[in-house]
Amino acid sequence: MRLKQCFCLALLAVSTPLLAEHAYITSQAANQLSVINLDSDKIVKQLSVTKGPVGIAIDNQRHEAYVTHPEDGLVTVIDTKTFEQKYVIKTGGQPFGIVVDPSAKQQVFITDWQRNAVLVVNPETKLVVDLLSVPESPAALVLDDKRRRLYVANRNANLLTVLDADTPRKYAEIPTGKAPYAVTLSADGQQIYVTAIQDNTLTIIDAETYQVIDTVKTGLSPYGINVSDDNCCIYVVNQGSNNVWVYDRQTFEKTAEIAVGKMPESLSFSTDQKQAYVTNWFSNSVSVIDRKTGKKTNDISMPSGPRSLGQFIGE
């Protein structure tokens, strides 16, 4: 009996498929959310959502995707198991960038472009529980879970704001380039990276001291930014140049330039780090980049105006 039971368990383990990975793409002009299966690079679901979806965040623990709608003051919540809409959170203002807190605190942080604030939302109660004041026009933000800090790019203030993720406290305001838009953190948590779209720069900041380490030139109008998990490479999406620049993280020297679609905005990596996916706002596509070769391998056609500000790949 025990042998038979072990055989059945082994058979179950072998036959159980691995969960697929997906990219969640907001199409602002089409009012749609598209779900791409990364095994096939095919769209497996398209949902009509509230007007003007922009930002995205994935919560793999709660199996939810959060979509911001700056035009309507709403956040749509999608079930990532069924790919169906669960509910809508009324935030007011202009919710823009968004990030999920992976800790047990159950928080979602959202920048409010209109009210110059970061909203704290409880996903259980679906209510805004706090509103943290920041400088003008907060765009993207990232959470440093180790230090429990939020880094917020304030576009019209030329500043990066550092907030406490657990209490309403501001730690620092760090000068950046002109019109900072996107921000990310190295995988080891040692450095913060901020793109500035009006002076074509990337600011590198020490996450411990908040001192600027270096400022390097980018292509035209750098929007999205991401850093590989192995900490080797920084990827910057240049909207005005229609390309992605890759930098060595140790030297900050440019090592590659990869052509993508028109007006690219955001970039996320597959979990295995083998591919990078780039949304192309004006060519209505998502470009797939092979990280090993540094070449674009595919363009996936999308509904009008794909953006997906944030980390858009999850379960």
Protein backbone atom coordinates (compact mmCIF):
# COMPACT_ATOMS: atom_id res chain seq x y z
CA MET A 1 0.00 0.00 0.00
CA ARG A 2 2.82 2.40 0.92
CA LEU A 3 4.63 1.65 -2.36
CA LYS A 4 1.46 2.31 -4.35
CA GLN A 5 0.87 5.57 -2.47
CA CYS A 6 4.42 6.75 -3.13
CA PHE A 7 4.07 5.89 -6.81
CA CYS A 8 0.84 7.90 -7.04
CA LEU A 9 2.42 10.89 -5.33
CA ALA A 10 5.41 10.72 -7.64
CA LEU A 11 3.13 10.52 -10.67
CA LEU A 12 1.17 13.51 -9.41
CA ALA A 13 4.37 15.51 -8.93
CA VAL A 14 5.54 14.72 -12.44
CA SER A 15 2.18 15.39 -14.10
CA THR A 16 1.39 18.64 -12.26
CA PRO A 17 2.20 21.51 -14.65
CA LEU A 18 4.27 24.46 -13.55
CA LEU A 19 2.38 27.70 -13.17
CA ALA A 20 2.74 29.90 -16.22
CA GLU A 21 4.18 33.38 -15.96
CA HIS A 22 2.30 36.36 -17.38
CA ALA A 23 2.80 39.97 -18.39
CA TYR A 24 -0.08 42.34 -17.60
CA ILE A 25 -0.22 45.19 -20.11
CA THR A 26 -2.34 48.31 -19.66
CA SER A 27 -3.48 49.91 -22.93
CA GLN A 28 -4.40 53.48 -22.03
CA ALA A 29 -6.07 54.52 -25.29
CA ALA A 30 -8.01 51.26 -25.71
CA ASN A 31 -9.16 51.01 -22.08
CA GLN A 32 -7.98 47.42 -21.92
CA LEU A 33 -5.76 45.10 -19.91
CA SER A 34 -4.05 42.33 -21.86
CA VAL A 35 -2.53 39.21 -20.31
CA ILE A 36 0.42 37.64 -22.16
CA ASN A 37 1.52 34.06 -21.45
CA LEU A 38 5.32 34.28 -21.41
CA ASP A 39 5.75 30.64 -22.43
CA SER A 40 4.13 31.35 -25.78
CA ASP A 41 4.31 35.16 -25.96
CA LYS A 42 0.62 35.06 -26.87
CA ILE A 43 -2.25 37.10 -25.44
CA VAL A 44 -4.46 34.73 -23.44
CA LYS A 45 -6.93 37.29 -22.08
CA GLN A 46 -8.12 40.81 -22.86
CA LEU A 47 -10.32 42.70 -20.43
CA SER A 48 -12.18 45.95 -20.90
CA VAL A 49 -11.46 48.16 -17.89
CA THR A 50 -12.21 51.67 -16.70
CA LYS A 51 -10.94 54.58 -18.82
CA GLY A 52 -7.22 55.26 -19.22
CA PRO A 53 -5.36 52.43 -17.43
CA VAL A 54 -1.69 53.29 -16.79
CA GLY A 55 0.09 51.82 -13.76
CA ILE A 56 0.31 48.16 -12.78
CA ALA A 57 1.45 46.13 -9.78
CA ILE A 58 1.25 42.37 -9.21
CA ASP A 59 0.64 40.74 -5.83
CA ASN A 60 1.53 37.06 -6.23
CA GLN A 61 0.60 36.31 -2.62
CA ARG A 62 -2.95 37.62 -2.92
CA HIS A 63 -3.17 36.60 -6.60
CA GLU A 64 -4.17 40.10 -7.63
CA ALA A 65 -3.11 42.71 -10.17
CA TYR A 66 -3.74 46.41 -9.46
CA VAL A 67 -4.34 48.86 -12.31
CA THR A 68 -4.38 52.65 -11.87
CA HIS A 69 -6.74 54.97 -13.75
CA PRO A 70 -5.52 58.60 -13.37
CA GLU A 71 -8.41 60.01 -15.39
CA ASP A 72 -11.12 58.55 -13.14
CA GLY A 73 -9.49 58.34 -9.70
CA LEU A 74 -9.86 54.57 -9.57
CA VAL A 75 -7.83 51.39 -9.14
CA THR A 76 -9.07 48.18 -10.76
CA VAL A 77 -8.22 44.88 -9.06
CA ILE A 78 -7.87 41.77 -11.24
CA ASP A 79 -7.83 38.13 -10.08
CA THR A 80 -4.61 36.67 -11.55
CA LYS A 81 -5.97 33.12 -11.37
CA THR A 82 -9.11 33.76 -13.41
CA PHE A 83 -8.01 36.99 -15.18
CA GLU A 84 -11.34 38.54 -14.26
CA GLN A 85 -12.07 41.86 -12.56
CA LYS A 86 -12.74 41.48 -8.82
CA TYR A 87 -13.54 45.02 -7.70
CA VAL A 88 -12.69 48.71 -8.07
CA ILE A 89 -11.14 50.93 -5.38
CA LYS A 90 -12.16 54.59 -5.36
CA THR A 91 -9.06 56.62 -4.51
CA GLY A 92 -9.99 60.01 -5.94
CA GLY A 93 -7.29 62.29 -7.33
CA GLN A 94 -5.08 60.91 -10.11
CA PRO A 95 -3.63 57.53 -9.06
CA PHE A 96 -0.57 56.87 -11.20
CA GLY A 97 2.39 54.75 -10.06
CA ILE A 98 1.71 51.76 -7.82
CA VAL A 99 3.62 49.18 -5.77
CA VAL A 100 2.53 46.33 -3.49
CA ASP A 101 4.00 45.84 -0.01
CA PRO A 102 5.02 42.14 0.27
CA SER A 103 5.10 42.28 4.08
CA ALA A 104 2.27 41.18 6.37
CA LYS A 105 1.06 44.78 6.66
CA GLN A 106 -1.24 44.47 3.63
CA GLN A 107 -0.54 47.81 2.02
CA VAL A 108 -0.60 49.12 -1.52
CA PHE A 109 1.21 52.40 -2.20
CA ILE A 110 -0.02 54.66 -5.01
CA THR A 111 1.26 58.01 -6.21
CA ASP A 112 -1.40 60.68 -6.68
CA TRP A 113 -0.26 63.05 -9.42
CA GLN A 114 -2.99 65.61 -8.72
CA ARG A 115 -2.84 65.81 -4.93
CA ASN A 116 0.98 65.54 -4.67
CA ALA A 117 0.73 62.58 -2.36
CA VAL A 118 1.34 58.89 -1.86
CA LEU A 119 -1.85 57.03 -1.01
CA VAL A 120 -1.79 54.03 1.32
CA VAL A 121 -4.56 51.55 0.49
CA ASN A 122 -5.66 48.54 2.53
CA PRO A 123 -6.55 45.84 -0.03
CA GLU A 124 -8.76 44.03 2.50
CA THR A 125 -11.01 46.98 3.29
CA LYS A 126 -10.51 48.57 -0.15
CA LEU A 127 -10.05 51.95 1.54
CA VAL A 128 -7.42 54.68 1.44
CA VAL A 129 -6.05 54.61 5.00
CA ASP A 130 -3.41 57.33 4.72
CA LEU A 131 -2.25 60.13 2.45
CA LEU A 132 1.43 61.12 2.59
CA SER A 133 2.41 64.53 1.25
CA VAL A 134 5.25 64.65 -1.30
CA PRO A 135 6.60 67.29 -3.73
CA GLU A 136 4.88 68.13 -7.01
CA SER A 137 3.75 65.51 -9.54
CA PRO A 138 4.78 62.14 -8.09
CA ALA A 139 5.15 59.57 -10.87
CA ALA A 140 6.76 56.17 -10.28
CA LEU A 141 7.76 54.73 -6.93
CA VAL A 142 9.58 51.68 -5.58
CA LEU A 143 9.59 49.95 -2.19
CA ASP A 144 12.82 49.01 -0.40
CA ASP A 145 11.39 46.19 1.71
CA LYS A 146 14.64 45.56 3.61
CA ARG A 147 14.95 49.15 4.86
CA ARG A 148 11.19 49.75 4.78
CA ARG A 149 11.60 52.84 2.64
CA LEU A 150 9.59 54.21 -0.28
CA TYR A 151 11.41 56.08 -3.06
CA VAL A 152 9.17 58.44 -5.04
CA ALA A 153 10.12 60.30 -8.25
CA ASN A 154 8.58 63.80 -8.19
CA ARG A 155 8.52 64.92 -11.80
CA ASN A 156 7.93 68.66 -11.53
CA ALA A 157 10.05 69.10 -8.40
CA ASN A 158 13.24 67.44 -9.73
CA LEU A 159 13.45 65.43 -6.52
CA LEU A 160 13.42 61.87 -5.23
CA THR A 161 11.49 61.66 -1.96
CA VAL A 162 12.34 59.01 0.66
CA LEU A 163 9.43 58.01 2.91
CA ASP A 164 9.06 55.55 5.77
CA ALA A 165 6.87 52.67 4.57
CA ASP A 166 5.41 52.04 8.03
CA THR A 167 4.91 55.46 9.63
CA PRO A 168 4.06 58.87 8.12
CA ARG A 169 7.62 60.16 8.10
CA LYS A 170 9.82 61.72 5.43
CA TYR A 171 13.53 60.81 5.51
CA ALA A 172 15.03 62.80 2.67
CA GLU A 173 14.57 64.73 -0.56
CA ILE A 174 17.35 64.07 -3.04
CA PRO A 175 18.01 66.27 -6.10
CA THR A 176 17.87 64.40 -9.42
CA GLY A 177 17.95 65.35 -13.07
CA LYS A 178 15.19 67.44 -14.65
CA ALA A 179 11.74 65.80 -14.54
CA PRO A 180 12.43 62.47 -12.80
CA TYR A 181 9.91 59.85 -13.84
CA ALA A 182 10.90 56.25 -13.08
CA VAL A 183 12.81 54.80 -10.14
CA THR A 184 14.12 51.36 -9.28
CA LEU A 185 16.38 49.62 -6.78
CA SER A 186 19.29 47.25 -7.36
CA ALA A 187 18.62 43.63 -6.39
CA ASP A 188 21.13 43.87 -3.53
CA GLY A 189 19.41 47.03 -2.30
CA GLN A 190 22.57 49.13 -2.37
CA GLN A 191 21.70 51.62 -5.11
CA ILE A 192 18.69 53.61 -6.31
CA TYR A 193 18.32 54.59 -9.99
CA VAL A 194 16.23 57.51 -11.26
CA THR A 195 15.58 58.50 -14.88
CA ALA A 196 15.04 62.17 -15.76
CA ILE A 197 13.17 62.73 -19.00
CA GLN A 198 13.94 66.39 -19.72
CA ASP A 199 17.73 66.38 -19.40
CA ASN A 200 18.31 62.77 -20.51
CA THR A 201 20.09 61.55 -17.40
CA LEU A 202 20.24 58.61 -15.03
CA THR A 203 21.00 59.46 -11.40
CA ILE A 204 22.62 56.75 -9.24
CA ILE A 205 22.09 57.16 -5.49
CA ASP A 206 23.57 55.30 -2.50
CA ALA A 207 20.60 53.72 -0.70
CA GLU A 208 22.31 53.93 2.70
CA THR A 209 23.64 57.50 2.66
CA TYR A 210 21.29 59.05 0.05
CA GLN A 211 24.34 60.57 -1.63
CA VAL A 212 24.47 60.83 -5.43
CA ILE A 213 27.14 58.42 -6.68
CA ASP A 214 27.03 59.41 -10.34
CA THR A 215 24.92 60.96 -13.07
CA VAL A 216 25.20 59.49 -16.56
CA LYS A 217 23.74 60.42 -19.92
CA THR A 218 20.99 58.37 -21.49
CA GLY A 219 19.17 58.39 -24.79
CA LEU A 220 16.35 60.85 -25.42
CA SER A 221 13.58 61.04 -22.80
CA PRO A 222 14.43 58.06 -20.56
CA TYR A 223 11.26 56.67 -19.04
CA GLY A 224 11.36 53.08 -17.79
CA ILE A 225 14.24 51.56 -15.85
CA ASN A 226 15.03 48.15 -14.36
CA VAL A 227 18.02 46.27 -12.97
CA SER A 228 18.70 42.58 -13.52
CA ASP A 229 18.56 40.29 -10.47
CA ASP A 230 22.24 39.39 -10.87
CA ASN A 231 23.03 43.10 -10.41
CA CYS A 232 25.15 43.13 -13.58
CA CYS A 233 23.08 45.40 -15.77
CA ILE A 234 20.91 48.50 -15.72
CA TYR A 235 18.29 48.77 -18.48
CA VAL A 236 16.99 52.22 -19.45
CA VAL A 237 14.06 52.71 -21.84
CA ASN A 238 14.59 55.81 -24.00
CA GLN A 239 11.20 56.97 -25.25
CA GLY A 240 12.55 59.65 -27.56
CA SER A 241 15.19 57.36 -29.09
CA ASN A 242 12.96 54.29 -29.49
CA ASN A 243 15.55 52.07 -27.86
CA VAL A 244 16.85 50.47 -24.68
CA TRP A 245 20.34 51.23 -23.36
CA VAL A 246 22.13 48.71 -21.17
CA TYR A 247 24.73 49.85 -18.63
CA ASP A 248 27.33 47.93 -16.66
CA ARG A 249 26.31 48.35 -13.03
CA GLN A 250 29.89 48.52 -11.77
CA THR A 251 31.26 51.11 -14.21
CA PHE A 252 28.00 52.76 -15.39
CA GLU A 253 29.34 52.47 -18.94
CA LYS A 254 26.87 51.80 -21.76
CA THR A 255 27.37 48.26 -23.08
CA ALA A 256 24.47 47.85 -25.52
CA GLU A 257 21.82 49.74 -27.47
CA ILE A 258 18.72 47.78 -28.53
CA ALA A 259 16.11 49.13 -30.95
CA VAL A 260 12.48 48.55 -29.95
CA GLY A 261 9.13 50.06 -30.98
CA LYS A 262 7.93 53.67 -31.06
CA MET A 263 7.73 55.62 -27.79
CA PRO A 264 8.69 52.75 -25.47
CA GLU A 265 7.88 53.27 -21.80
CA SER A 266 8.27 50.37 -19.36
CA LEU A 267 10.48 47.29 -19.02
CA SER A 268 10.18 44.16 -16.89
CA PHE A 269 12.15 40.90 -16.79
CA SER A 270 10.88 37.35 -16.89
CA THR A 271 11.50 35.56 -13.59
CA ASP A 272 14.34 33.52 -15.08
CA GLN A 273 15.88 36.83 -16.24
CA LYS A 274 16.37 35.50 -19.78
CA GLN A 275 14.00 37.96 -21.46
CA ALA A 276 13.12 41.62 -21.06
CA TYR A 277 9.69 42.87 -22.14
CA VAL A 278 9.20 46.48 -23.27
CA THR A 279 5.89 48.28 -23.82
CA ASN A 280 5.80 50.49 -26.94
CA TRP A 281 3.20 53.21 -26.44
CA PHE A 282 2.94 54.50 -30.03
CA SER A 283 3.56 51.32 -32.03
CA ASN A 284 1.00 49.34 -30.00
CA SER A 285 3.29 46.45 -29.22
CA VAL A 286 5.44 44.74 -26.62
CA SER A 287 9.02 44.00 -27.68
CA VAL A 288 10.78 40.89 -26.38
CA ILE A 289 14.55 41.11 -25.84
CA ASP A 290 16.86 38.13 -25.43
CA ARG A 291 19.22 39.23 -22.66
CA LYS A 292 21.98 36.82 -23.66
CA THR A 293 22.24 38.07 -27.24
CA GLY A 294 21.02 41.60 -26.60
CA LYS A 295 18.69 41.30 -29.58
CA LYS A 296 14.97 41.91 -30.02
CA THR A 297 13.36 38.56 -30.83
CA ASN A 298 9.67 39.40 -31.10
CA ASP A 299 7.04 42.14 -31.22
CA ILE A 300 3.67 41.25 -29.72
CA SER A 301 0.77 43.27 -31.12
CA MET A 302 -1.27 45.07 -28.45
CA PRO A 303 -4.40 47.24 -28.18
CA SER A 304 -3.81 50.98 -28.57
CA GLY A 305 -1.48 52.75 -26.15
CA PRO A 306 0.32 50.06 -24.09
CA ARG A 307 2.12 51.54 -21.05
CA SER A 308 2.22 49.36 -17.88
CA LEU A 309 4.09 51.73 -15.59
CA GLY A 310 5.56 49.47 -12.89
CA GLN A 311 6.63 45.86 -12.51
CA PHE A 312 4.16 44.18 -14.86
CA ILE A 313 5.25 40.51 -14.83
CA GLY A 314 3.88 38.00 -12.32
CA GLU A 315 2.01 34.73 -12.00
